[in-house]
Each structure stands twice: as structure tokens, then as C-alpha cells.
């Protein structure tokens, strides 16, 4: 029981330190060490569907680290991990899909796309 308490507190404090979220996606955090490229963002939507796309970059992180972060973090926010398609992580939640893809390794560029399943 003490171990579980410690794990929960660790998650809260580690996530609390990560306060930045992707512009247009108030429930998808930006991993520490990544920076969102503001000129590469796309946002489109209405009451029935939406499409939000963002590009994150880093000089020091790897896609393996990014993958681990989002596999651990997004389920806490209601996203269910569905697996991979090539170098793309796929999550689903309430009629939406989030794809996290590696576009380049050096420097690391990651494209995050949230779209309605409609």
C-alpha cells in the first residue's frame, strides 16, 4: 500500500511539473524537453468533428523517450493505447484518434494529430 501511495504521488508531482499543453489540445501535454513549432500547427473543427495537428521538436530527446512518455501519460487522460503503425503510436478516446509520429530523428521532429473518427 505504501508503494502504491508513493507511485501515485510521484506521478502527480512529475505530471504537475509538466504544465505545458499542446496549443489547441488542452488535454495533451508537451513532454519536457520538446518544443512546439508554432508555425506548423493546424486546427480545424466544428461541433461534429475536429482536426488538430502540431509539430514538436527537440535536439536532445529520442522518439523512444517520447513514445514512453505518451504511453505512460495519455492513458491517465482517458486515451487508450491501440498500438503502432510503423513509427506511429495510435491512441483512441471517445470518438477521436491521436497519432504520434516520428518525422525525423536528428533533430527529432514529432507530429501529433488528433482527429475525429467520423
PDB file of N, CA and C in Angstrom:
ATOM      1  N   UNK A   1       0.820  -1.188   0.000  1.00  0.00           N
ATOM      2  CA  UNK A   1       0.000   0.000   0.000  1.00  0.00           C
ATOM      3  C   UNK A   1       0.871   1.262   0.000  1.00  0.00           C
ATOM      4  N   UNK A   2       1.946   1.251   0.784  1.00  0.00           N
ATOM      5  CA  UNK A   2       2.838   2.411   0.798  1.00  0.00           C
ATOM      6  C   UNK A   2       3.470   2.629  -0.573  1.00  0.00           C
ATOM      7  N   UNK A   3       3.783   1.508  -1.245  1.00  0.00           N
ATOM      8  CA  UNK A   3       4.388   1.610  -2.575  1.00  0.00           C
ATOM      9  C   UNK A   3       3.420   2.270  -3.544  1.00  0.00           C
ATOM     10  N   UNK A   4       2.148   1.860  -3.512  1.00  0.00           N
ATOM     11  CA  UNK A   4       1.138   2.432  -4.391  1.00  0.00           C
ATOM     12  C   UNK A   4       0.976   3.925  -4.120  1.00  0.00           C
ATOM     13  N   UNK A   5       0.959   4.304  -2.871  1.00  0.00           N
ATOM     14  CA  UNK A   5       0.850   5.711  -2.487  1.00  0.00           C
ATOM     15  C   UNK A   5       2.033   6.502  -3.052  1.00  0.00           C
ATOM     16  N   UNK A   6       3.235   5.957  -2.927  1.00  0.00           N
ATOM     17  CA  UNK A   6       4.438   6.601  -3.448  1.00  0.00           C
ATOM     18  C   UNK A   6       4.360   6.765  -4.967  1.00  0.00           C
ATOM     19  N   UNK A   7       3.895   5.735  -5.669  1.00  0.00           N
ATOM     20  CA  UNK A   7       3.782   5.787  -7.131  1.00  0.00           C
ATOM     21  C   UNK A   7       2.793   6.871  -7.549  1.00  0.00           C
ATOM     22  N   UNK A   8       1.642   6.917  -6.898  1.00  0.00           N
ATOM     23  CA  UNK A   8       0.631   7.924  -7.230  1.00  0.00           C
ATOM     24  C   UNK A   8       1.174   9.328  -6.991  1.00  0.00           C
ATOM     25  N   UNK A   9       1.816   9.546  -5.858  1.00  0.00           N
ATOM     26  CA  UNK A   9       2.400  10.863  -5.587  1.00  0.00           C
ATOM     27  C   UNK A   9       3.475  11.219  -6.602  1.00  0.00           C
ATOM     28  N   UNK A  10       4.290  10.262  -6.978  1.00  0.00           N
ATOM     29  CA  UNK A  10       5.338  10.512  -7.977  1.00  0.00           C
ATOM     30  C   UNK A  10       4.730  10.937  -9.298  1.00  0.00           C
ATOM     31  N   UNK A  11       3.668  10.254  -9.713  1.00  0.00           N
ATOM     32  CA  UNK A  11       3.003  10.612 -10.969  1.00  0.00           C
ATOM     33  C   UNK A  11       2.406  12.007 -10.897  1.00  0.00           C
ATOM     34  N   UNK A  12       1.780  12.326  -9.793  1.00  0.00           N
ATOM     35  CA  UNK A  12       1.175  13.650  -9.638  1.00  0.00           C
ATOM     36  C   UNK A  12       2.236  14.731  -9.710  1.00  0.00           C
ATOM     37  N   UNK A  13       3.340  14.553  -8.967  1.00  0.00           N
ATOM     38  CA  UNK A  13       4.372  15.580  -8.962  1.00  0.00           C
ATOM     39  C   UNK A  13       5.117  15.656 -10.290  1.00  0.00           C
ATOM     40  N   UNK A  14       5.371  14.525 -10.924  1.00  0.00           N
ATOM     41  CA  UNK A  14       6.077  14.573 -12.202  1.00  0.00           C
ATOM     42  C   UNK A  14       5.189  15.176 -13.269  1.00  0.00           C
ATOM     43  N   UNK A  15       3.891  14.874 -13.238  1.00  0.00           N
ATOM     44  CA  UNK A  15       2.995  15.457 -14.219  1.00  0.00           C
ATOM     45  C   UNK A  15       2.743  16.924 -13.903  1.00  0.00           C
ATOM     46  N   UNK A  16       2.668  17.273 -12.624  1.00  0.00           N
ATOM     47  CA  UNK A  16       2.453  18.655 -12.230  1.00  0.00           C
ATOM     48  C   UNK A  16       3.577  19.561 -12.694  1.00  0.00           C
ATOM     49  N   UNK A  17       4.797  19.029 -12.727  1.00  0.00           N
ATOM     50  CA  UNK A  17       5.927  19.820 -13.197  1.00  0.00           C
ATOM     51  C   UNK A  17       5.830  20.043 -14.696  1.00  0.00           C
ATOM     52  N   UNK A  18       5.078  19.198 -15.372  1.00  0.00           N
ATOM     53  CA  UNK A  18       4.896  19.298 -16.816  1.00  0.00           C
ATOM     54  C   UNK A  18       3.581  20.026 -17.081  1.00  0.00           C
ATOM     55  N   UNK A  19       3.601  21.354 -17.011  1.00  0.00           N
ATOM     56  CA  UNK A  19       2.366  22.119 -17.086  1.00  0.00           C
ATOM     57  C   UNK A  19       2.004  22.552 -18.498  1.00  0.00           C
ATOM     58  N   UNK A  20       2.898  22.404 -19.477  1.00  0.00           N
ATOM     59  CA  UNK A  20       2.632  22.872 -20.835  1.00  0.00           C
ATOM     60  C   UNK A  20       1.788  21.863 -21.605  1.00  0.00           C
ATOM     61  N   UNK A  21       0.822  22.394 -22.348  1.00  0.00           N
ATOM     62  CA  UNK A  21      -0.020  21.553 -23.186  1.00  0.00           C
ATOM     63  C   UNK A  21       0.081  22.023 -24.625  1.00  0.00           C
ATOM     64  N   UNK A  22      -0.203  21.126 -25.548  1.00  0.00           N
ATOM     65  CA  UNK A  22      -0.143  21.458 -26.967  1.00  0.00           C
ATOM     66  C   UNK A  22      -1.214  22.495 -27.274  1.00  0.00           C
ATOM     67  N   UNK A  23      -0.837  23.526 -27.995  1.00  0.00           N
ATOM     68  CA  UNK A  23      -1.778  24.572 -28.367  1.00  0.00           C
ATOM     69  C   UNK A  23      -2.932  23.965 -29.160  1.00  0.00           C
ATOM     70  N   UNK A  24      -4.146  24.225 -28.710  1.00  0.00           N
ATOM     71  CA  UNK A  24      -5.329  23.660 -29.345  1.00  0.00           C
ATOM     72  C   UNK A  24      -5.756  22.327 -28.766  1.00  0.00           C
ATOM     73  N   UNK A  25      -4.908  21.734 -27.918  1.00  0.00           N
ATOM     74  CA  UNK A  25      -5.205  20.448 -27.278  1.00  0.00           C
ATOM     75  C   UNK A  25      -4.948  20.590 -25.779  1.00  0.00           C
ATOM     76  N   UNK A  26      -5.901  21.118 -25.076  1.00  0.00           N
ATOM     77  CA  UNK A  26      -5.717  21.390 -23.655  1.00  0.00           C
ATOM     78  C   UNK A  26      -5.543  20.145 -22.814  1.00  0.00           C
ATOM     79  N   UNK A  27      -5.722  18.958 -23.420  1.00  0.00           N
ATOM     80  CA  UNK A  27      -5.579  17.718 -22.655  1.00  0.00           C
ATOM     81  C   UNK A  27      -4.467  16.813 -23.188  1.00  0.00           C
ATOM     82  N   UNK A  28      -3.566  17.373 -23.996  1.00  0.00           N
ATOM     83  CA  UNK A  28      -2.407  16.609 -24.477  1.00  0.00           C
ATOM     84  C   UNK A  28      -1.152  17.398 -24.101  1.00  0.00           C
ATOM     85  N   UNK A  29      -0.386  16.894 -23.128  1.00  0.00           N
ATOM     86  CA  UNK A  29       0.782  17.638 -22.652  1.00  0.00           C
ATOM     87  C   UNK A  29       1.948  17.605 -23.637  1.00  0.00           C
ATOM     88  N   UNK A  30       2.785  18.614 -23.525  1.00  0.00           N
ATOM     89  CA  UNK A  30       4.054  18.643 -24.255  1.00  0.00           C
ATOM     90  C   UNK A  30       5.097  18.042 -23.323  1.00  0.00           C
ATOM     91  N   UNK A  31       5.757  17.001 -23.772  1.00  0.00           N
ATOM     92  CA  UNK A  31       6.799  16.359 -22.970  1.00  0.00           C
ATOM     93  C   UNK A  31       7.917  17.362 -22.687  1.00  0.00           C
ATOM     94  N   UNK A  32       8.413  17.339 -21.443  1.00  0.00           N
ATOM     95  CA  UNK A  32       9.537  18.197 -21.092  1.00  0.00           C
ATOM     96  C   UNK A  32      10.700  17.899 -22.030  1.00  0.00           C
ATOM     97  N   UNK A  33      11.313  18.950 -22.556  1.00  0.00           N
ATOM     98  CA  UNK A  33      12.421  18.777 -23.492  1.00  0.00           C
ATOM     99  C   UNK A  33      11.991  18.906 -24.944  1.00  0.00           C
ATOM    100  N   UNK A  34      10.668  18.951 -25.189  1.00  0.00           N
ATOM    101  CA  UNK A  34      10.146  19.173 -26.539  1.00  0.00           C
ATOM    102  C   UNK A  34       9.597  20.590 -26.625  1.00  0.00           C
ATOM    103  N   UNK A  35       9.645  21.158 -27.817  1.00  0.00           N
ATOM    104  CA  UNK A  35       9.126  22.491 -28.070  1.00  0.00           C
ATOM    105  C   UNK A  35       8.162  22.431 -29.238  1.00  0.00           C
ATOM    106  N   UNK A  36       7.002  23.057 -29.085  1.00  0.00           N
ATOM    107  CA  UNK A  36       6.044  23.084 -30.183  1.00  0.00           C
ATOM    108  C   UNK A  36       6.462  24.137 -31.200  1.00  0.00           C
ATOM    109  N   UNK A  37       6.408  23.771 -32.478  1.00  0.00           N
ATOM    110  CA  UNK A  37       6.696  24.718 -33.547  1.00  0.00           C
ATOM    111  C   UNK A  37       5.397  25.444 -33.892  1.00  0.00           C
ATOM    112  N   UNK A  38       5.281  26.728 -33.547  1.00  0.00           N
ATOM    113  CA  UNK A  38       4.001  27.429 -33.683  1.00  0.00           C
ATOM    114  C   UNK A  38       3.526  27.583 -35.126  1.00  0.00           C
ATOM    115  N   UNK A  39       4.419  27.677 -36.085  1.00  0.00           N
ATOM    116  CA  UNK A  39       4.016  27.891 -37.471  1.00  0.00           C
ATOM    117  C   UNK A  39       3.554  26.622 -38.173  1.00  0.00           C
ATOM    118  N   UNK A  40       3.713  25.458 -37.516  1.00  0.00           N
ATOM    119  CA  UNK A  40       3.325  24.191 -38.121  1.00  0.00           C
ATOM    120  C   UNK A  40       2.030  23.636 -37.553  1.00  0.00           C
ATOM    121  N   UNK A  41       1.302  24.428 -36.781  1.00  0.00           N
ATOM    122  CA  UNK A  41       0.063  23.948 -36.162  1.00  0.00           C
ATOM    123  C   UNK A  41      -1.118  24.120 -37.110  1.00  0.00           C
ATOM    124  N   UNK A  42      -2.029  23.145 -37.084  1.00  0.00           N
ATOM    125  CA  UNK A  42      -3.267  23.189 -37.857  1.00  0.00           C
ATOM    126  C   UNK A  42      -4.406  22.908 -36.886  1.00  0.00           C
ATOM    127  N   UNK A  43      -5.446  23.723 -36.939  1.00  0.00           N
ATOM    128  CA  UNK A  43      -6.628  23.490 -36.114  1.00  0.00           C
ATOM    129  C   UNK A  43      -7.855  23.727 -36.970  1.00  0.00           C
ATOM    130  N   UNK A  44      -8.742  22.735 -36.999  1.00  0.00           N
ATOM    131  CA  UNK A  44      -9.974  22.827 -37.752  1.00  0.00           C
ATOM    132  C   UNK A  44     -11.025  22.049 -36.994  1.00  0.00           C
ATOM    133  N   UNK A  45     -12.211  22.582 -36.920  1.00  0.00           N
ATOM    134  CA  UNK A  45     -13.241  21.816 -36.237  1.00  0.00           C
ATOM    135  C   UNK A  45     -14.574  22.515 -36.164  1.00  0.00           C
ATOM    136  N   UNK A  46     -15.575  21.725 -35.783  1.00  0.00           N
ATOM    137  CA  UNK A  46     -16.913  22.222 -35.518  1.00  0.00           C
ATOM    138  C   UNK A  46     -17.518  21.349 -34.429  1.00  0.00           C
ATOM    139  N   UNK A  47     -18.834  21.404 -34.260  1.00  0.00           N
ATOM    140  CA  UNK A  47     -19.458  20.624 -33.198  1.00  0.00           C
ATOM    141  C   UNK A  47     -19.351  19.117 -33.428  1.00  0.00           C
ATOM    142  N   UNK A  48     -19.222  18.693 -34.676  1.00  0.00           N
ATOM    143  CA  UNK A  48     -19.251  17.273 -35.014  1.00  0.00           C
ATOM    144  C   UNK A  48     -17.881  16.625 -35.125  1.00  0.00           C
ATOM    145  N   UNK A  49     -16.888  17.391 -35.508  1.00  0.00           N
ATOM    146  CA  UNK A  49     -15.565  16.788 -35.698  1.00  0.00           C
ATOM    147  C   UNK A  49     -14.480  17.847 -35.534  1.00  0.00           C
ATOM    148  N   UNK A  50     -13.258  17.352 -35.367  1.00  0.00           N
ATOM    149  CA  UNK A  50     -12.132  18.277 -35.287  1.00  0.00           C
ATOM    150  C   UNK A  50     -10.877  17.612 -35.831  1.00  0.00           C
ATOM    151  N   UNK A  51      -9.942  18.460 -36.224  1.00  0.00           N
ATOM    152  CA  UNK A  51      -8.611  18.043 -36.641  1.00  0.00           C
ATOM    153  C   UNK A  51      -7.643  19.047 -36.048  1.00  0.00           C
ATOM    154  N   UNK A  52      -6.719  18.560 -35.239  1.00  0.00           N
ATOM    155  CA  UNK A  52      -5.679  19.405 -34.664  1.00  0.00           C
ATOM    156  C   UNK A  52      -4.355  18.707 -34.914  1.00  0.00           C
ATOM    157  N   UNK A  53      -3.400  19.466 -35.423  1.00  0.00           N
ATOM    158  CA  UNK A  53      -2.095  18.887 -35.722  1.00  0.00           C
ATOM    159  C   UNK A  53      -1.020  19.832 -35.207  1.00  0.00           C
ATOM    160  N   UNK A  54      -0.009  19.264 -34.570  1.00  0.00           N
ATOM    161  CA  UNK A  54       1.094  20.057 -34.030  1.00  0.00           C
ATOM    162  C   UNK A  54       2.400  19.318 -34.289  1.00  0.00           C
ATOM    163  N   UNK A  55       3.467  20.086 -34.449  1.00  0.00           N
ATOM    164  CA  UNK A  55       4.799  19.515 -34.618  1.00  0.00           C
ATOM    165  C   UNK A  55       5.644  19.951 -33.424  1.00  0.00           C
ATOM    166  N   UNK A  56       6.278  18.959 -32.781  1.00  0.00           N
ATOM    167  CA  UNK A  56       7.165  19.200 -31.652  1.00  0.00           C
ATOM    168  C   UNK A  56       8.578  18.843 -32.069  1.00  0.00           C
ATOM    169  N   UNK A  57       9.546  19.519 -31.496  1.00  0.00           N
ATOM    170  CA  UNK A  57      10.938  19.253 -31.858  1.00  0.00           C
ATOM    171  C   UNK A  57      11.830  19.246 -30.625  1.00  0.00           C
ATOM    172  N   UNK A  58      12.970  18.569 -30.758  1.00  0.00           N
ATOM    173  CA  UNK A  58      13.957  18.518 -29.682  1.00  0.00           C
ATOM    174  C   UNK A  58      15.323  18.192 -30.260  1.00  0.00           C
ATOM    175  N   UNK A  59      16.333  18.798 -29.682  1.00  0.00           N
ATOM    176  CA  UNK A  59      17.711  18.500 -30.056  1.00  0.00           C
ATOM    177  C   UNK A  59      18.264  17.335 -29.235  1.00  0.00           C
ATOM    178  N   UNK A  60      17.616  17.013 -28.092  1.00  0.00           N
ATOM    179  CA  UNK A  60      18.207  16.042 -27.180  1.00  0.00           C
ATOM    180  C   UNK A  60      17.366  14.793 -26.921  1.00  0.00           C
ATOM    181  N   UNK A  61      16.094  14.811 -27.244  1.00  0.00           N
ATOM    182  CA  UNK A  61      15.221  13.660 -26.968  1.00  0.00           C
ATOM    183  C   UNK A  61      15.187  12.701 -28.154  1.00  0.00           C
ATOM    184  N   UNK A  62      14.811  11.452 -27.866  1.00  0.00           N
ATOM    185  CA  UNK A  62      14.645  10.445 -28.909  1.00  0.00           C
ATOM    186  C   UNK A  62      13.170  10.070 -29.000  1.00  0.00           C
ATOM    187  N   UNK A  63      12.777   9.461 -30.106  1.00  0.00           N
ATOM    188  CA  UNK A  63      11.392   9.045 -30.250  1.00  0.00           C
ATOM    189  C   UNK A  63      11.045   7.943 -29.258  1.00  0.00           C
ATOM    190  N   UNK A  64      12.030   7.147 -28.871  1.00  0.00           N
ATOM    191  CA  UNK A  64      11.800   6.117 -27.861  1.00  0.00           C
ATOM    192  C   UNK A  64      11.375   6.760 -26.537  1.00  0.00           C
ATOM    193  N   UNK A  65      12.029   7.859 -26.153  1.00  0.00           N
ATOM    194  CA  UNK A  65      11.664   8.575 -24.929  1.00  0.00           C
ATOM    195  C   UNK A  65      10.270   9.199 -25.055  1.00  0.00           C
ATOM    196  N   UNK A  66       9.992   9.775 -26.220  1.00  0.00           N
ATOM    197  CA  UNK A  66       8.685  10.375 -26.482  1.00  0.00           C
ATOM    198  C   UNK A  66       7.604   9.306 -26.399  1.00  0.00           C
ATOM    199  N   UNK A  67       7.870   8.160 -27.016  1.00  0.00           N
ATOM    200  CA  UNK A  67       6.928   7.041 -27.011  1.00  0.00           C
ATOM    201  C   UNK A  67       6.618   6.604 -25.580  1.00  0.00           C
ATOM    202  N   UNK A  68       7.648   6.435 -24.788  1.00  0.00           N
ATOM    203  CA  UNK A  68       7.474   6.014 -23.396  1.00  0.00           C
ATOM    204  C   UNK A  68       6.644   7.038 -22.614  1.00  0.00           C
ATOM    205  N   UNK A  69       6.947   8.321 -22.804  1.00  0.00           N
ATOM    206  CA  UNK A  69       6.218   9.372 -22.095  1.00  0.00           C
ATOM    207  C   UNK A  69       4.728   9.329 -22.425  1.00  0.00           C
ATOM    208  N   UNK A  70       4.394   9.300 -23.714  1.00  0.00           N
ATOM    209  CA  UNK A  70       2.983   9.342 -24.096  1.00  0.00           C
ATOM    210  C   UNK A  70       2.257   8.035 -23.776  1.00  0.00           C
ATOM    211  N   UNK A  71       2.942   6.907 -23.847  1.00  0.00           N
ATOM    212  CA  UNK A  71       2.310   5.636 -23.453  1.00  0.00           C
ATOM    213  C   UNK A  71       1.973   5.635 -21.967  1.00  0.00           C
ATOM    214  N   UNK A  72       2.764   6.336 -21.155  1.00  0.00           N
ATOM    215  CA  UNK A  72       2.513   6.413 -19.715  1.00  0.00           C
ATOM    216  C   UNK A  72       1.537   7.530 -19.350  1.00  0.00           C
ATOM    217  N   UNK A  73       1.562   8.629 -20.081  1.00  0.00           N
ATOM    218  CA  UNK A  73       0.795   9.811 -19.711  1.00  0.00           C
ATOM    219  C   UNK A  73      -0.617   9.840 -20.282  1.00  0.00           C
ATOM    220  N   UNK A  74      -0.773   9.547 -21.567  1.00  0.00           N
ATOM    221  CA  UNK A  74      -2.088   9.694 -22.196  1.00  0.00           C
ATOM    222  C   UNK A  74      -3.172   8.800 -21.591  1.00  0.00           C
ATOM    223  N   UNK A  75      -2.880   7.555 -21.186  1.00  0.00           N
ATOM    224  CA  UNK A  75      -3.934   6.762 -20.543  1.00  0.00           C
ATOM    225  C   UNK A  75      -4.486   7.417 -19.275  1.00  0.00           C
ATOM    226  N   UNK A  76      -3.687   8.204 -18.585  1.00  0.00           N
ATOM    227  CA  UNK A  76      -4.154   8.929 -17.402  1.00  0.00           C
ATOM    228  C   UNK A  76      -5.167  10.005 -17.779  1.00  0.00           C
ATOM    229  N   UNK A  77      -5.183  10.370 -19.055  1.00  0.00           N
ATOM    230  CA  UNK A  77      -6.085  11.409 -19.545  1.00  0.00           C
ATOM    231  C   UNK A  77      -7.222  10.811 -20.376  1.00  0.00           C
ATOM    232  N   UNK A  78      -7.385   9.500 -20.257  1.00  0.00           N
ATOM    233  CA  UNK A  78      -8.503   8.849 -20.924  1.00  0.00           C
ATOM    234  C   UNK A  78      -8.216   8.280 -22.294  1.00  0.00           C
ATOM    235  N   UNK A  79      -7.003   8.429 -22.797  1.00  0.00           N
ATOM    236  CA  UNK A  79      -6.641   7.896 -24.108  1.00  0.00           C
ATOM    237  C   UNK A  79      -6.219   6.440 -23.959  1.00  0.00           C
ATOM    238  N   UNK A  80      -6.775   5.550 -24.768  1.00  0.00           N
ATOM    239  CA  UNK A  80      -6.433   4.122 -24.732  1.00  0.00           C
ATOM    240  C   UNK A  80      -5.431   3.830 -25.844  1.00  0.00           C
ATOM    241  N   UNK A  81      -4.294   3.261 -25.465  1.00  0.00           N
ATOM    242  CA  UNK A  81      -3.251   2.912 -26.434  1.00  0.00           C
ATOM    243  C   UNK A  81      -3.739   1.769 -27.320  1.00  0.00           C
ATOM    244  N   UNK A  82      -3.655   1.953 -28.640  1.00  0.00           N
ATOM    245  CA  UNK A  82      -4.141   0.970 -29.599  1.00  0.00           C
ATOM    246  C   UNK A  82      -3.014   0.197 -30.290  1.00  0.00           C
ATOM    247  N   UNK A  83      -1.774   0.665 -30.131  1.00  0.00           N
ATOM    248  CA  UNK A  83      -0.644   0.005 -30.781  1.00  0.00           C
ATOM    249  C   UNK A  83       0.084   0.963 -31.712  1.00  0.00           C
ATOM    250  N   UNK A  84       0.862   0.385 -32.607  1.00  0.00           N
ATOM    251  CA  UNK A  84       1.640   1.204 -33.532  1.00  0.00           C
ATOM    252  C   UNK A  84       1.328   0.823 -34.969  1.00  0.00           C
ATOM    253  N   UNK A  85       1.511   1.806 -35.840  1.00  0.00           N
ATOM    254  CA  UNK A  85       1.500   1.613 -37.294  1.00  0.00           C
ATOM    255  C   UNK A  85       2.834   2.177 -37.774  1.00  0.00           C
ATOM    256  N   UNK A  86       3.785   1.308 -38.032  1.00  0.00           N
ATOM    257  CA  UNK A  86       5.113   1.783 -38.411  1.00  0.00           C
ATOM    258  C   UNK A  86       5.738   2.543 -37.258  1.00  0.00           C
ATOM    259  N   UNK A  87       6.080   3.801 -37.486  1.00  0.00           N
ATOM    260  CA  UNK A  87       6.662   4.663 -36.447  1.00  0.00           C
ATOM    261  C   UNK A  87       5.612   5.614 -35.869  1.00  0.00           C
ATOM    262  N   UNK A  88       4.356   5.173 -35.847  1.00  0.00           N
ATOM    263  CA  UNK A  88       3.262   5.995 -35.334  1.00  0.00           C
ATOM    264  C   UNK A  88       2.569   5.289 -34.184  1.00  0.00           C
ATOM    265  N   UNK A  89       2.462   5.987 -33.049  1.00  0.00           N
ATOM    266  CA  UNK A  89       1.690   5.494 -31.910  1.00  0.00           C
ATOM    267  C   UNK A  89       0.239   5.900 -32.136  1.00  0.00           C
ATOM    268  N   UNK A  90      -0.701   5.013 -31.798  1.00  0.00           N
ATOM    269  CA  UNK A  90      -2.116   5.297 -32.001  1.00  0.00           C
ATOM    270  C   UNK A  90      -2.866   5.135 -30.675  1.00  0.00           C
ATOM    271  N   UNK A  91      -3.652   6.152 -30.328  1.00  0.00           N
ATOM    272  CA  UNK A  91      -4.498   6.150 -29.132  1.00  0.00           C
ATOM    273  C   UNK A  91      -5.913   6.525 -29.555  1.00  0.00           C
ATOM    274  N   UNK A  92      -6.912   6.059 -28.793  1.00  0.00           N
ATOM    275  CA  UNK A  92      -8.302   6.418 -29.047  1.00  0.00           C
ATOM    276  C   UNK A  92      -8.975   6.850 -27.766  1.00  0.00           C
ATOM    277  N   UNK A  93      -9.962   7.744 -27.944  1.00  0.00           N
ATOM    278  CA  UNK A  93     -10.786   8.187 -26.811  1.00  0.00           C
ATOM    279  C   UNK A  93     -12.056   8.829 -27.344  1.00  0.00           C
ATOM    280  N   UNK A  94     -13.203   8.360 -26.878  1.00  0.00           N
ATOM    281  CA  UNK A  94     -14.493   8.990 -27.144  1.00  0.00           C
ATOM    282  C   UNK A  94     -14.657   9.494 -28.577  1.00  0.00           C
ATOM    283  N   UNK A  95     -14.469   8.646 -29.555  1.00  0.00           N
ATOM    284  CA  UNK A  95     -14.693   9.028 -30.943  1.00  0.00           C
ATOM    285  C   UNK A  95     -13.563   9.786 -31.596  1.00  0.00           C
ATOM    286  N   UNK A  96     -12.412   9.856 -30.935  1.00  0.00           N
ATOM    287  CA  UNK A  96     -11.260  10.542 -31.518  1.00  0.00           C
ATOM    288  C   UNK A  96     -10.043   9.619 -31.534  1.00  0.00           C
ATOM    289  N   UNK A  97      -9.139   9.927 -32.432  1.00  0.00           N
ATOM    290  CA  UNK A  97      -7.889   9.186 -32.566  1.00  0.00           C
ATOM    291  C   UNK A  97      -6.747  10.188 -32.469  1.00  0.00           C
ATOM    292  N   UNK A  98      -5.700   9.793 -31.746  1.00  0.00           N
ATOM    293  CA  UNK A  98      -4.487  10.602 -31.713  1.00  0.00           C
ATOM    294  C   UNK A  98      -3.346   9.757 -32.274  1.00  0.00           C
ATOM    295  N   UNK A  99      -2.649  10.312 -33.268  1.00  0.00           N
ATOM    296  CA  UNK A  99      -1.477   9.683 -33.870  1.00  0.00           C
ATOM    297  C   UNK A  99      -0.250  10.495 -33.468  1.00  0.00           C
ATOM    298  N   UNK A 100       0.794   9.813 -33.030  1.00  0.00           N
ATOM    299  CA  UNK A 100       2.049  10.460 -32.666  1.00  0.00           C
ATOM    300  C   UNK A 100       3.128   9.819 -33.530  1.00  0.00           C
ATOM    301  N   UNK A 101       3.661  10.595 -34.478  1.00  0.00           N
ATOM    302  CA  UNK A 101       4.578  10.065 -35.488  1.00  0.00           C
ATOM    303  C   UNK A 101       5.938  10.743 -35.440  1.00  0.00           C
ATOM    304  N   UNK A 102       6.967   9.945 -35.647  1.00  0.00           N
ATOM    305  CA  UNK A 102       8.319  10.495 -35.780  1.00  0.00           C
ATOM    306  C   UNK A 102       8.511  10.925 -37.228  1.00  0.00           C
ATOM    307  N   UNK A 103       8.806  12.215 -37.427  1.00  0.00           N
ATOM    308  CA  UNK A 103       9.057  12.718 -38.779  1.00  0.00           C
ATOM    309  C   UNK A 103      10.539  12.736 -39.110  1.00  0.00           C
ATOM    310  N   UNK A 104      11.367  13.006 -38.102  1.00  0.00           N
ATOM    311  CA  UNK A 104      12.815  12.941 -38.289  1.00  0.00           C
ATOM    312  C   UNK A 104      13.470  12.669 -36.944  1.00  0.00           C
ATOM    313  N   UNK A 105      14.667  12.071 -37.012  1.00  0.00           N
ATOM    314  CA  UNK A 105      15.364  11.685 -35.785  1.00  0.00           C
ATOM    315  C   UNK A 105      16.342  12.750 -35.306  1.00  0.00           C
ATOM    316  N   UNK A 106      17.015  13.444 -36.211  1.00  0.00           N
ATOM    317  CA  UNK A 106      18.020  14.436 -35.826  1.00  0.00           C
ATOM    318  C   UNK A 106      17.889  15.685 -36.669  1.00  0.00           C
ATOM    319  N   UNK A 107      17.389  16.774 -36.148  1.00  0.00           N
ATOM    320  CA  UNK A 107      16.790  16.852 -34.822  1.00  0.00           C
ATOM    321  C   UNK A 107      15.451  16.113 -34.816  1.00  0.00           C
ATOM    322  N   UNK A 108      15.044  15.704 -33.641  1.00  0.00           N
ATOM    323  CA  UNK A 108      13.784  14.989 -33.509  1.00  0.00           C
ATOM    324  C   UNK A 108      12.632  15.915 -33.866  1.00  0.00           C
ATOM    325  N   UNK A 109      11.752  15.418 -34.738  1.00  0.00           N
ATOM    326  CA  UNK A 109      10.505  16.104 -35.063  1.00  0.00           C
ATOM    327  C   UNK A 109       9.392  15.093 -34.911  1.00  0.00           C
ATOM    328  N   UNK A 110       8.380  15.462 -34.124  1.00  0.00           N
ATOM    329  CA  UNK A 110       7.255  14.587 -33.842  1.00  0.00           C
ATOM    330  C   UNK A 110       5.973  15.303 -34.251  1.00  0.00           C
ATOM    331  N   UNK A 111       5.150  14.637 -35.043  1.00  0.00           N
ATOM    332  CA  UNK A 111       3.845  15.193 -35.439  1.00  0.00           C
ATOM    333  C   UNK A 111       2.768  14.522 -34.607  1.00  0.00           C
ATOM    334  N   UNK A 112       1.943  15.336 -33.944  1.00  0.00           N
ATOM    335  CA  UNK A 112       0.816  14.837 -33.157  1.00  0.00           C
ATOM    336  C   UNK A 112      -0.458  15.304 -33.837  1.00  0.00           C
ATOM    337  N   UNK A 113      -1.306  14.340 -34.188  1.00  0.00           N
ATOM    338  CA  UNK A 113      -2.554  14.636 -34.886  1.00  0.00           C
ATOM    339  C   UNK A 113      -3.724  14.059 -34.107  1.00  0.00           C
ATOM    340  N   UNK A 114      -4.695  14.890 -33.807  1.00  0.00           N
ATOM    341  CA  UNK A 114      -5.936  14.439 -33.182  1.00  0.00           C
ATOM    342  C   UNK A 114      -7.040  14.675 -34.188  1.00  0.00           C
ATOM    343  N   UNK A 115      -7.821  13.619 -34.462  1.00  0.00           N
ATOM    344  CA  UNK A 115      -8.910  13.750 -35.434  1.00  0.00           C
ATOM    345  C   UNK A 115     -10.104  12.927 -34.982  1.00  0.00           C
ATOM    346  N   UNK A 116     -11.246  13.356 -35.396  1.00  0.00           N
ATOM    347  CA  UNK A 116     -12.473  12.616 -35.115  1.00  0.00           C
ATOM    348  C   UNK A 116     -12.498  11.358 -35.956  1.00  0.00           C
ATOM    349  N   UNK A 117     -13.121  10.314 -35.422  1.00  0.00           N
ATOM    350  CA  UNK A 117     -13.192   9.041 -36.139  1.00  0.00           C
ATOM    351  C   UNK A 117     -14.283   9.034 -37.208  1.00  0.00           C
ATOM    352  N   UNK A 118     -15.051  10.078 -37.302  1.00  0.00           N
ATOM    353  CA  UNK A 118     -16.160  10.144 -38.261  1.00  0.00           C
ATOM    354  C   UNK A 118     -15.659  10.029 -39.661  1.00  0.00           C
TER     355      UNK A 118
END
